[in-house]
Protein backbone atom coordinates (compact mmCIF):
# COMPACT_ATOMS: atom_id res chain seq x y z
CA UNK A 1 -7.89 -13.24 -5.23
CA UNK A 2 -6.25 -15.04 -8.11
CA UNK A 3 -3.34 -17.31 -7.42
CA UNK A 4 -0.12 -15.38 -7.69
CA UNK A 5 3.34 -16.01 -6.43
CA UNK A 6 6.60 -14.17 -6.41
CA UNK A 7 9.11 -16.00 -8.61
CA UNK A 8 11.94 -13.76 -7.42
CA UNK A 9 12.93 -12.05 -4.19
CA UNK A 10 11.42 -8.61 -3.68
CA UNK A 11 13.08 -5.70 -5.44
CA UNK A 12 14.97 -3.16 -3.35
CA UNK A 13 12.90 -0.48 -1.69
CA UNK A 14 12.43 2.75 -3.60
CA UNK A 15 10.71 5.98 -2.58
CA UNK A 16 7.34 4.19 -2.72
CA UNK A 17 8.42 1.16 -0.70
CA UNK A 18 9.42 -2.39 -1.61
CA UNK A 19 8.35 -3.43 -5.10
CA UNK A 20 7.11 -7.00 -5.44
CA UNK A 21 6.85 -8.74 -8.81
CA UNK A 22 4.11 -11.36 -8.93
CA UNK A 23 3.48 -13.90 -11.70
CA UNK A 24 0.12 -15.61 -12.15
CA UNK A 25 -0.48 -19.17 -13.40
CA UNK A 26 -0.62 -17.90 -16.99
CA UNK A 27 2.76 -16.14 -16.80
CA UNK A 28 1.38 -12.59 -16.55
CA UNK A 29 3.61 -10.32 -14.44
CA UNK A 30 2.20 -7.73 -12.02
CA UNK A 31 3.99 -5.16 -9.87
CA UNK A 32 2.87 -4.32 -6.35
CA UNK A 33 4.11 -1.98 -3.64
CA UNK A 34 4.40 -3.41 -0.14
CA UNK A 35 2.25 -1.08 1.94
CA UNK A 36 2.41 -2.75 5.34
CA UNK A 37 3.62 -5.97 6.94
CA UNK A 38 1.33 -7.57 9.51
CA UNK A 39 2.89 -10.09 11.93
CA UNK A 40 0.32 -12.69 12.95
CA UNK A 41 0.62 -16.09 14.64
CA UNK A 42 4.40 -16.14 14.18
CA UNK A 43 4.15 -15.47 10.44
CA UNK A 44 4.44 -12.30 8.35
CA UNK A 45 1.87 -11.11 5.82
CA UNK A 46 2.10 -8.20 3.41
CA UNK A 47 -0.62 -5.92 2.11
CA UNK A 48 0.37 -5.33 -1.51
CA UNK A 49 -1.09 -2.52 -3.64
CA UNK A 50 -0.92 -2.54 -7.42
CA UNK A 51 1.92 -0.33 -8.69
CA UNK A 52 0.90 1.69 -11.72
CA UNK A 53 3.27 3.22 -14.26
CA UNK A 54 0.80 5.91 -15.32
CA UNK A 55 -1.54 8.18 -13.37
CA UNK A 56 -4.91 6.34 -13.12
CA UNK A 57 -8.36 7.82 -13.68
CA UNK A 58 -9.70 9.49 -10.54
CA UNK A 59 -12.32 6.76 -9.98
CA UNK A 60 -9.80 3.91 -10.45
CA UNK A 61 -9.37 1.53 -7.50
CA UNK A 62 -5.97 -0.26 -7.46
CA UNK A 63 -5.88 -3.99 -6.84
CA UNK A 64 -4.93 -4.87 -3.27
CA UNK A 65 -3.85 -8.37 -2.28
CA UNK A 66 -2.64 -10.13 0.84
CA UNK A 67 0.49 -12.28 0.56
CA UNK A 68 2.21 -14.52 3.08
CA UNK A 69 5.95 -13.87 3.35
CA UNK A 70 8.16 -16.96 3.58
CA UNK A 71 11.92 -17.33 3.30
CA UNK A 72 13.49 -19.17 0.37
CA UNK A 73 16.58 -21.36 0.69
CA UNK A 74 18.79 -18.24 0.42
CA UNK A 75 16.94 -16.44 3.21
CA UNK A 76 15.20 -14.04 0.79
CA UNK A 77 11.55 -13.05 1.21
CA UNK A 78 9.09 -14.78 -1.12
CA UNK A 79 5.44 -13.77 -1.33
CA UNK A 80 2.91 -16.57 -1.65
CA UNK A 81 -0.87 -16.89 -1.54
CA UNK A 82 -2.16 -17.42 2.02
CA UNK A 83 -4.72 -20.08 2.85
CA UNK A 84 -8.34 -18.94 3.10
CA UNK A 85 -8.10 -19.09 6.92
CA UNK A 86 -4.88 -17.02 6.94
CA UNK A 87 -6.44 -14.51 4.53
CA UNK A 88 -9.44 -14.00 6.81
CA UNK A 89 -7.24 -13.58 9.92
CA UNK A 90 -4.99 -11.03 8.19
CA UNK A 91 -7.96 -9.13 6.79
CA UNK A 92 -9.47 -8.91 10.29
CA UNK A 93 -6.13 -7.79 11.77
CA UNK A 94 -5.80 -5.12 9.07
CA UNK A 95 -9.34 -3.90 9.71
CA UNK A 96 -8.55 -3.69 13.44
CA UNK A 97 -5.41 -1.64 12.73
CA UNK A 98 -7.29 0.86 10.63
CA UNK A 99 -10.69 0.91 12.29
CA UNK A 100 -12.27 4.22 11.31
CA UNK A 101 -13.43 4.80 14.89
CA UNK A 102 -9.79 4.96 16.01
CA UNK A 103 -8.98 7.97 13.85
CA UNK A 104 -9.63 11.49 15.09
CA UNK A 105 -10.58 14.17 12.57
CA UNK A 106 -7.85 16.81 12.76
CA UNK A 107 -10.10 19.62 11.54
């Protein structure tokens, strides 16, 4: 995962969820949709999925990142890069939430 941080508070939620604008070290701006928030060890982490303006090719895989949510001085959510240890814990918690063995085929 490249280093990215949210320079501004998250945008208001729309029909797709909360939009998060991330800026990398080179000033490139990326938009993500907050898919799920995972509380872990007293902190909050977000799974962010790349928000696309156009319909992607059918074999396109959107970028998915994990961000730690912290509060700025105004009490607004900011999304920052987690440590490697935090990333691994959140990834494991996410995998546990969506373990394929837990889903029942409705057919």
